Amino acid sequence: MGWQGPNPSTDFRGCGFVALQNLLFFATTYPASYQRLLLKQQGMRATWEYPFAVAGVNISYMLIQLLELNEARPKSLPGINFIKVLSEHQDAFDVLYCIAFEMMDAQWLAMRASYMQFNEVLESTKMQLERELSLDDLQRIHDLPAYNLLYK
């Protein structure tokens, strides 16, 4: 799965339990997307690919930062819009995580990235998510343009 060492629990220290919950949600809710990304079954791949599990932890952390979930109230438009979306869909964060993972992989392929470019790909994914979460007509998680990347 792409853990950094023999004890996977050490990979969660930067983001905590939420990263594990996100991975489990992805595996059980969108198993086809999850397996395709885990096994890297699509596109021209680099010799040195991103480690799947560690990428997932980084995506969870990136979303927490983007949505300002460590703040009392988000001040950015993506964070404010996400709170609206969350009020309509209790699993919105988990679904957004799945969307972000799909976006990150698509960006990885588009950039023909290798392992050393992971942070660049993640930053590009963050910017794309920020744009989508800033849309004026965003009411539901399903309104995100990248929602169509997911399949069960």
N, C-alpha and C. Protein backbone atom coordinates (compact mmCIF):
# COMPACT_ATOMS: atom_id res chain seq x y z
N MET A 1 0.81 -1.22 0.00
CA MET A 1 0.00 0.00 0.00
C MET A 1 0.84 1.26 0.00
N GLY A 2 2.10 1.16 0.28
CA GLY A 2 2.92 2.35 0.24
C GLY A 2 3.15 3.00 1.58
N TRP A 3 3.32 2.20 2.61
CA TRP A 3 3.69 2.74 3.92
C TRP A 3 5.18 3.03 3.92
N GLN A 4 5.61 3.91 4.80
CA GLN A 4 7.01 4.29 4.82
C GLN A 4 7.89 3.31 5.59
N GLY A 5 7.30 2.50 6.42
CA GLY A 5 8.07 1.55 7.21
C GLY A 5 7.23 0.34 7.58
N PRO A 6 7.77 -0.54 8.42
CA PRO A 6 7.04 -1.76 8.78
C PRO A 6 5.85 -1.52 9.71
N ASN A 7 5.80 -0.37 10.37
CA ASN A 7 4.69 -0.05 11.27
C ASN A 7 3.88 1.10 10.68
N PRO A 8 2.74 0.81 10.03
CA PRO A 8 1.96 1.86 9.37
C PRO A 8 1.49 2.97 10.31
N SER A 9 1.36 2.68 11.59
CA SER A 9 0.84 3.70 12.51
C SER A 9 1.73 4.94 12.55
N THR A 10 3.01 4.79 12.27
CA THR A 10 3.91 5.95 12.30
C THR A 10 3.61 6.93 11.16
N ASP A 11 3.00 6.46 10.09
CA ASP A 11 2.67 7.35 8.97
C ASP A 11 1.50 8.28 9.28
N PHE A 12 0.73 7.95 10.30
CA PHE A 12 -0.44 8.76 10.64
C PHE A 12 -0.14 9.88 11.62
N ARG A 13 1.09 9.95 12.11
CA ARG A 13 1.41 10.94 13.15
C ARG A 13 1.17 12.38 12.70
N GLY A 14 1.30 12.67 11.43
CA GLY A 14 1.12 14.03 10.95
C GLY A 14 -0.33 14.45 10.81
N CYS A 15 -1.25 13.49 10.72
CA CYS A 15 -2.64 13.84 10.46
C CYS A 15 -3.61 13.15 11.40
N GLY A 16 -3.18 12.09 12.03
CA GLY A 16 -4.03 11.42 12.99
C GLY A 16 -5.01 10.44 12.39
N PHE A 17 -5.99 10.11 13.19
CA PHE A 17 -6.97 9.08 12.88
C PHE A 17 -7.82 9.41 11.65
N VAL A 18 -8.01 10.69 11.37
CA VAL A 18 -8.85 11.08 10.24
C VAL A 18 -8.31 10.53 8.92
N ALA A 19 -6.99 10.46 8.78
CA ALA A 19 -6.40 9.93 7.55
C ALA A 19 -6.74 8.46 7.36
N LEU A 20 -6.73 7.69 8.44
CA LEU A 20 -7.12 6.28 8.36
C LEU A 20 -8.60 6.16 8.02
N GLN A 21 -9.42 6.98 8.66
CA GLN A 21 -10.85 6.97 8.35
C GLN A 21 -11.10 7.30 6.88
N ASN A 22 -10.37 8.27 6.35
CA ASN A 22 -10.52 8.63 4.94
C ASN A 22 -10.18 7.47 4.02
N LEU A 23 -9.07 6.80 4.28
CA LEU A 23 -8.67 5.65 3.46
C LEU A 23 -9.72 4.55 3.52
N LEU A 24 -10.24 4.27 4.72
CA LEU A 24 -11.26 3.23 4.87
C LEU A 24 -12.55 3.61 4.15
N PHE A 25 -12.96 4.86 4.27
CA PHE A 25 -14.16 5.33 3.58
C PHE A 25 -14.00 5.16 2.07
N PHE A 26 -12.85 5.56 1.56
CA PHE A 26 -12.57 5.46 0.13
C PHE A 26 -12.66 4.00 -0.32
N ALA A 27 -12.03 3.11 0.43
CA ALA A 27 -12.01 1.68 0.07
C ALA A 27 -13.40 1.06 0.08
N THR A 28 -14.24 1.47 1.01
CA THR A 28 -15.55 0.84 1.14
C THR A 28 -16.64 1.52 0.32
N THR A 29 -16.52 2.82 0.09
CA THR A 29 -17.58 3.55 -0.62
C THR A 29 -17.35 3.61 -2.12
N TYR A 30 -16.11 3.73 -2.53
CA TYR A 30 -15.76 3.79 -3.95
C TYR A 30 -14.68 2.75 -4.25
N PRO A 31 -15.00 1.46 -4.07
CA PRO A 31 -13.98 0.41 -4.22
C PRO A 31 -13.34 0.36 -5.60
N ALA A 32 -14.07 0.64 -6.65
CA ALA A 32 -13.49 0.59 -8.00
C ALA A 32 -12.44 1.70 -8.16
N SER A 33 -12.77 2.91 -7.74
CA SER A 33 -11.80 4.01 -7.80
C SER A 33 -10.61 3.71 -6.91
N TYR A 34 -10.87 3.24 -5.72
CA TYR A 34 -9.81 2.94 -4.76
C TYR A 34 -8.83 1.90 -5.32
N GLN A 35 -9.36 0.82 -5.85
CA GLN A 35 -8.50 -0.24 -6.39
C GLN A 35 -7.71 0.24 -7.61
N ARG A 36 -8.35 1.03 -8.45
CA ARG A 36 -7.67 1.55 -9.63
C ARG A 36 -6.48 2.42 -9.24
N LEU A 37 -6.67 3.25 -8.20
CA LEU A 37 -5.57 4.11 -7.76
C LEU A 37 -4.53 3.32 -6.97
N LEU A 38 -4.97 2.43 -6.12
CA LEU A 38 -4.04 1.62 -5.32
C LEU A 38 -3.11 0.82 -6.23
N LEU A 39 -3.69 0.21 -7.26
CA LEU A 39 -2.92 -0.64 -8.17
C LEU A 39 -2.34 0.14 -9.35
N LYS A 40 -2.63 1.44 -9.39
CA LYS A 40 -2.12 2.33 -10.44
C LYS A 40 -2.35 1.74 -11.83
N GLN A 41 -3.64 1.49 -12.11
CA GLN A 41 -4.03 0.78 -13.32
C GLN A 41 -4.27 1.65 -14.53
N GLN A 42 -4.16 2.96 -14.39
CA GLN A 42 -4.51 3.82 -15.52
C GLN A 42 -3.33 4.71 -15.89
N GLY A 43 -3.13 4.92 -17.16
CA GLY A 43 -2.18 5.90 -17.66
C GLY A 43 -0.74 5.44 -17.70
N MET A 44 0.07 6.31 -18.28
CA MET A 44 1.51 6.08 -18.35
C MET A 44 2.11 6.44 -17.00
N ARG A 45 2.72 5.48 -16.37
CA ARG A 45 3.23 5.65 -15.00
C ARG A 45 4.73 5.81 -14.98
N ALA A 46 5.21 6.53 -13.98
CA ALA A 46 6.64 6.71 -13.77
C ALA A 46 7.23 5.46 -13.14
N THR A 47 8.52 5.31 -13.25
CA THR A 47 9.21 4.20 -12.60
C THR A 47 9.07 4.33 -11.09
N TRP A 48 9.21 5.54 -10.57
CA TRP A 48 9.06 5.80 -9.13
C TRP A 48 7.74 6.51 -8.90
N GLU A 49 6.74 5.75 -8.51
CA GLU A 49 5.40 6.27 -8.26
C GLU A 49 5.26 6.80 -6.84
N TYR A 50 4.19 7.55 -6.61
CA TYR A 50 3.91 8.00 -5.25
C TYR A 50 3.44 6.81 -4.41
N PRO A 51 3.83 6.76 -3.13
CA PRO A 51 3.34 5.70 -2.25
C PRO A 51 1.88 5.98 -1.89
N PHE A 52 1.01 5.07 -2.21
CA PHE A 52 -0.43 5.26 -2.11
C PHE A 52 -0.88 5.72 -0.72
N ALA A 53 -0.54 4.96 0.31
CA ALA A 53 -1.02 5.26 1.66
C ALA A 53 -0.50 6.61 2.16
N VAL A 54 0.76 6.87 1.94
CA VAL A 54 1.34 8.14 2.39
C VAL A 54 0.73 9.30 1.61
N ALA A 55 0.43 9.09 0.34
CA ALA A 55 -0.26 10.12 -0.44
C ALA A 55 -1.62 10.40 0.19
N GLY A 56 -2.32 9.35 0.61
CA GLY A 56 -3.62 9.53 1.25
C GLY A 56 -3.54 10.34 2.53
N VAL A 57 -2.53 10.10 3.34
CA VAL A 57 -2.34 10.88 4.57
C VAL A 57 -2.08 12.34 4.22
N ASN A 58 -1.26 12.57 3.22
CA ASN A 58 -0.96 13.94 2.79
C ASN A 58 -2.20 14.66 2.25
N ILE A 59 -3.06 13.93 1.58
CA ILE A 59 -4.30 14.53 1.05
C ILE A 59 -5.21 14.93 2.21
N SER A 60 -5.34 14.07 3.22
CA SER A 60 -6.14 14.43 4.39
C SER A 60 -5.62 15.71 5.04
N TYR A 61 -4.32 15.78 5.23
CA TYR A 61 -3.71 16.95 5.84
C TYR A 61 -3.93 18.20 4.98
N MET A 62 -3.76 18.07 3.68
CA MET A 62 -3.95 19.19 2.77
C MET A 62 -5.39 19.71 2.85
N LEU A 63 -6.37 18.80 2.93
CA LEU A 63 -7.77 19.23 3.02
C LEU A 63 -8.05 19.96 4.33
N ILE A 64 -7.50 19.47 5.42
CA ILE A 64 -7.69 20.13 6.72
C ILE A 64 -7.17 21.56 6.65
N GLN A 65 -6.01 21.74 6.03
CA GLN A 65 -5.42 23.08 5.89
C GLN A 65 -6.25 23.94 4.95
N LEU A 66 -6.62 23.41 3.79
CA LEU A 66 -7.37 24.17 2.79
C LEU A 66 -8.72 24.64 3.34
N LEU A 67 -9.38 23.77 4.08
CA LEU A 67 -10.72 24.08 4.59
C LEU A 67 -10.69 24.80 5.93
N GLU A 68 -9.48 25.01 6.46
CA GLU A 68 -9.28 25.69 7.74
C GLU A 68 -10.05 25.00 8.87
N LEU A 69 -9.99 23.69 8.92
CA LEU A 69 -10.75 22.94 9.91
C LEU A 69 -10.15 23.03 11.31
N ASN A 70 -8.94 23.54 11.42
CA ASN A 70 -8.33 23.74 12.74
C ASN A 70 -8.68 25.11 13.33
N GLU A 71 -9.43 25.90 12.59
CA GLU A 71 -9.83 27.24 13.03
C GLU A 71 -11.24 27.18 13.61
N ALA A 72 -11.58 28.18 14.43
CA ALA A 72 -12.93 28.26 14.98
C ALA A 72 -13.96 28.43 13.86
N ARG A 73 -13.62 29.30 12.90
CA ARG A 73 -14.46 29.54 11.73
C ARG A 73 -13.57 29.75 10.53
N PRO A 74 -13.90 29.11 9.42
CA PRO A 74 -13.10 29.36 8.22
C PRO A 74 -13.33 30.78 7.71
N LYS A 75 -12.26 31.36 7.17
CA LYS A 75 -12.34 32.72 6.63
C LYS A 75 -12.30 32.73 5.10
N SER A 76 -11.80 31.66 4.52
CA SER A 76 -11.68 31.59 3.06
C SER A 76 -12.98 31.09 2.44
N LEU A 77 -13.19 31.44 1.18
CA LEU A 77 -14.39 31.00 0.48
C LEU A 77 -14.48 29.48 0.38
N PRO A 78 -13.38 28.76 0.08
CA PRO A 78 -13.48 27.30 0.06
C PRO A 78 -13.93 26.73 1.42
N GLY A 79 -13.41 27.26 2.50
CA GLY A 79 -13.79 26.79 3.83
C GLY A 79 -15.24 27.10 4.15
N ILE A 80 -15.67 28.29 3.82
CA ILE A 80 -17.06 28.71 4.07
C ILE A 80 -18.02 27.86 3.23
N ASN A 81 -17.69 27.69 1.95
CA ASN A 81 -18.54 26.87 1.09
C ASN A 81 -18.59 25.42 1.57
N PHE A 82 -17.45 24.92 2.06
CA PHE A 82 -17.44 23.55 2.54
C PHE A 82 -18.38 23.37 3.74
N ILE A 83 -18.45 24.34 4.63
CA ILE A 83 -19.35 24.26 5.78
C ILE A 83 -20.80 24.14 5.29
N LYS A 84 -21.15 24.89 4.23
CA LYS A 84 -22.50 24.77 3.64
C LYS A 84 -22.72 23.35 3.11
N VAL A 85 -21.74 22.85 2.40
CA VAL A 85 -21.84 21.51 1.82
C VAL A 85 -21.96 20.46 2.92
N LEU A 86 -21.18 20.63 3.97
CA LEU A 86 -21.19 19.69 5.09
C LEU A 86 -22.56 19.65 5.77
N SER A 87 -23.23 20.78 5.83
CA SER A 87 -24.56 20.81 6.45
C SER A 87 -25.58 20.02 5.63
N GLU A 88 -25.30 19.80 4.34
CA GLU A 88 -26.20 19.04 3.47
C GLU A 88 -25.80 17.57 3.33
N HIS A 89 -24.56 17.24 3.70
CA HIS A 89 -24.07 15.88 3.49
C HIS A 89 -23.05 15.55 4.57
N GLN A 90 -23.41 14.70 5.51
CA GLN A 90 -22.54 14.44 6.66
C GLN A 90 -21.22 13.78 6.30
N ASP A 91 -21.14 13.10 5.18
CA ASP A 91 -19.90 12.47 4.74
C ASP A 91 -19.12 13.34 3.75
N ALA A 92 -19.43 14.61 3.70
CA ALA A 92 -18.83 15.50 2.69
C ALA A 92 -17.31 15.52 2.76
N PHE A 93 -16.73 15.50 3.95
CA PHE A 93 -15.27 15.53 4.03
C PHE A 93 -14.67 14.26 3.44
N ASP A 94 -15.27 13.12 3.76
CA ASP A 94 -14.76 11.85 3.22
C ASP A 94 -14.91 11.79 1.71
N VAL A 95 -16.04 12.25 1.20
CA VAL A 95 -16.23 12.26 -0.25
C VAL A 95 -15.26 13.23 -0.91
N LEU A 96 -15.06 14.39 -0.29
CA LEU A 96 -14.10 15.35 -0.82
C LEU A 96 -12.70 14.75 -0.85
N TYR A 97 -12.36 13.98 0.15
CA TYR A 97 -11.08 13.28 0.18
C TYR A 97 -10.93 12.36 -1.04
N CYS A 98 -11.98 11.60 -1.33
CA CYS A 98 -11.95 10.69 -2.47
C CYS A 98 -11.80 11.46 -3.77
N ILE A 99 -12.53 12.56 -3.89
CA ILE A 99 -12.41 13.42 -5.07
C ILE A 99 -10.99 13.95 -5.19
N ALA A 100 -10.44 14.42 -4.07
CA ALA A 100 -9.08 14.98 -4.08
C ALA A 100 -8.05 13.93 -4.48
N PHE A 101 -8.24 12.70 -4.03
CA PHE A 101 -7.30 11.63 -4.39
C PHE A 101 -7.36 11.38 -5.89
N GLU A 102 -8.57 11.34 -6.44
CA GLU A 102 -8.73 11.16 -7.89
C GLU A 102 -8.11 12.33 -8.65
N MET A 103 -8.33 13.54 -8.15
CA MET A 103 -7.75 14.72 -8.79
C MET A 103 -6.23 14.68 -8.76
N MET A 104 -5.70 14.27 -7.62
CA MET A 104 -4.25 14.20 -7.47
C MET A 104 -3.66 13.19 -8.45
N ASP A 105 -4.29 12.04 -8.58
CA ASP A 105 -3.79 11.03 -9.50
C ASP A 105 -3.89 11.52 -10.95
N ALA A 106 -4.99 12.17 -11.29
CA ALA A 106 -5.15 12.72 -12.65
C ALA A 106 -4.08 13.78 -12.92
N GLN A 107 -3.81 14.59 -11.92
CA GLN A 107 -2.76 15.61 -12.07
C GLN A 107 -1.39 14.95 -12.21
N TRP A 108 -1.18 13.89 -11.45
CA TRP A 108 0.08 13.12 -11.52
C TRP A 108 0.32 12.64 -12.95
N LEU A 109 -0.72 12.08 -13.54
CA LEU A 109 -0.61 11.57 -14.91
C LEU A 109 -0.43 12.70 -15.91
N ALA A 110 -1.18 13.78 -15.74
CA ALA A 110 -1.09 14.90 -16.68
C ALA A 110 0.30 15.54 -16.66
N MET A 111 0.91 15.58 -15.48
CA MET A 111 2.23 16.18 -15.35
C MET A 111 3.35 15.17 -15.66
N ARG A 112 2.95 13.92 -15.87
CA ARG A 112 3.94 12.84 -16.05
C ARG A 112 4.98 12.90 -14.92
N ALA A 113 4.44 13.00 -13.72
CA ALA A 113 5.26 13.21 -12.54
C ALA A 113 5.98 11.94 -12.09
N SER A 114 7.03 12.17 -11.33
CA SER A 114 7.74 11.08 -10.67
C SER A 114 7.75 11.39 -9.17
N TYR A 115 8.24 10.48 -8.42
CA TYR A 115 8.23 10.55 -6.97
C TYR A 115 8.69 11.90 -6.42
N MET A 116 9.73 12.45 -6.99
CA MET A 116 10.29 13.71 -6.48
C MET A 116 9.39 14.91 -6.74
N GLN A 117 8.36 14.76 -7.54
CA GLN A 117 7.45 15.86 -7.84
C GLN A 117 6.15 15.77 -7.06
N PHE A 118 6.09 14.90 -6.07
CA PHE A 118 4.83 14.69 -5.35
C PHE A 118 4.30 15.99 -4.75
N ASN A 119 5.14 16.77 -4.09
CA ASN A 119 4.68 18.01 -3.46
C ASN A 119 4.15 19.00 -4.48
N GLU A 120 4.76 19.05 -5.64
CA GLU A 120 4.29 19.92 -6.71
C GLU A 120 2.91 19.48 -7.20
N VAL A 121 2.72 18.19 -7.34
CA VAL A 121 1.43 17.65 -7.77
C VAL A 121 0.37 17.92 -6.71
N LEU A 122 0.72 17.74 -5.44
CA LEU A 122 -0.23 17.98 -4.35
C LEU A 122 -0.63 19.46 -4.30
N GLU A 123 0.32 20.35 -4.50
CA GLU A 123 0.02 21.78 -4.50
C GLU A 123 -0.88 22.14 -5.68
N SER A 124 -0.64 21.56 -6.82
CA SER A 124 -1.49 21.80 -7.99
C SER A 124 -2.91 21.29 -7.74
N THR A 125 -3.01 20.14 -7.09
CA THR A 125 -4.32 19.58 -6.73
C THR A 125 -5.05 20.50 -5.76
N LYS A 126 -4.32 21.03 -4.79
CA LYS A 126 -4.90 21.95 -3.82
C LYS A 126 -5.46 23.19 -4.51
N MET A 127 -4.71 23.73 -5.47
CA MET A 127 -5.18 24.91 -6.19
C MET A 127 -6.44 24.61 -7.00
N GLN A 128 -6.50 23.44 -7.62
CA GLN A 128 -7.68 23.06 -8.39
C GLN A 128 -8.88 22.88 -7.46
N LEU A 129 -8.67 22.25 -6.32
CA LEU A 129 -9.75 22.08 -5.35
C LEU A 129 -10.23 23.44 -4.83
N GLU A 130 -9.29 24.31 -4.58
CA GLU A 130 -9.63 25.65 -4.10
C GLU A 130 -10.54 26.37 -5.09
N ARG A 131 -10.23 26.24 -6.37
CA ARG A 131 -11.08 26.85 -7.41
C ARG A 131 -12.48 26.24 -7.39
N GLU A 132 -12.55 24.91 -7.32
CA GLU A 132 -13.86 24.26 -7.35
C GLU A 132 -14.68 24.56 -6.10
N LEU A 133 -14.01 24.66 -4.96
CA LEU A 133 -14.72 24.97 -3.72
C LEU A 133 -15.08 26.45 -3.60
N SER A 134 -14.64 27.25 -4.52
CA SER A 134 -14.95 28.69 -4.53
C SER A 134 -16.09 29.03 -5.48
N LEU A 135 -16.66 28.04 -6.12
CA LEU A 135 -17.76 28.29 -7.05
C LEU A 135 -18.97 28.87 -6.33
N ASP A 136 -19.61 29.85 -6.94
CA ASP A 136 -20.75 30.53 -6.33
C ASP A 136 -21.94 29.62 -6.10
N ASP A 137 -22.17 28.70 -7.01
CA ASP A 137 -23.38 27.87 -6.94
C ASP A 137 -23.17 26.53 -6.22
N LEU A 138 -22.13 26.42 -5.44
CA LEU A 138 -21.83 25.18 -4.73
C LEU A 138 -22.77 25.02 -3.55
N GLN A 139 -23.60 24.00 -3.59
CA GLN A 139 -24.53 23.70 -2.50
C GLN A 139 -24.33 22.30 -1.93
N ARG A 140 -23.97 21.37 -2.83
CA ARG A 140 -23.81 19.97 -2.44
C ARG A 140 -22.45 19.47 -2.92
N ILE A 141 -21.98 18.42 -2.32
CA ILE A 141 -20.70 17.83 -2.72
C ILE A 141 -20.77 17.37 -4.18
N HIS A 142 -21.94 16.97 -4.61
CA HIS A 142 -22.14 16.50 -5.98
C HIS A 142 -22.03 17.64 -7.01
N ASP A 143 -22.06 18.89 -6.54
CA ASP A 143 -21.95 20.04 -7.44
C ASP A 143 -20.51 20.31 -7.87
N LEU A 144 -19.54 19.70 -7.20
CA LEU A 144 -18.15 19.91 -7.59
C LEU A 144 -17.91 19.29 -8.97
N PRO A 145 -17.32 20.03 -9.89
CA PRO A 145 -17.06 19.47 -11.21
C PRO A 145 -16.26 18.16 -11.18
N ALA A 146 -15.34 18.03 -10.25
CA ALA A 146 -14.50 16.82 -10.18
C ALA A 146 -15.22 15.63 -9.53
N TYR A 147 -16.45 15.83 -9.06
CA TYR A 147 -17.19 14.71 -8.46
C TYR A 147 -17.33 13.56 -9.45
N ASN A 148 -17.42 13.88 -10.72
CA ASN A 148 -17.61 12.83 -11.75
C ASN A 148 -16.40 11.93 -11.93
N LEU A 149 -15.29 12.20 -11.26
CA LEU A 149 -14.12 11.33 -11.32
C LEU A 149 -14.33 10.04 -10.53
N LEU A 150 -15.27 10.07 -9.57
CA LEU A 150 -15.49 8.91 -8.71
C LEU A 150 -16.42 7.89 -9.35
N TYR A 151 -16.11 6.64 -9.11
CA TYR A 151 -17.04 5.58 -9.48
C TYR A 151 -16.89 4.42 -8.52
N LYS A 152 -18.01 3.73 -8.34
CA LYS A 152 -18.06 2.65 -7.35
C LYS A 152 -17.65 1.36 -7.99
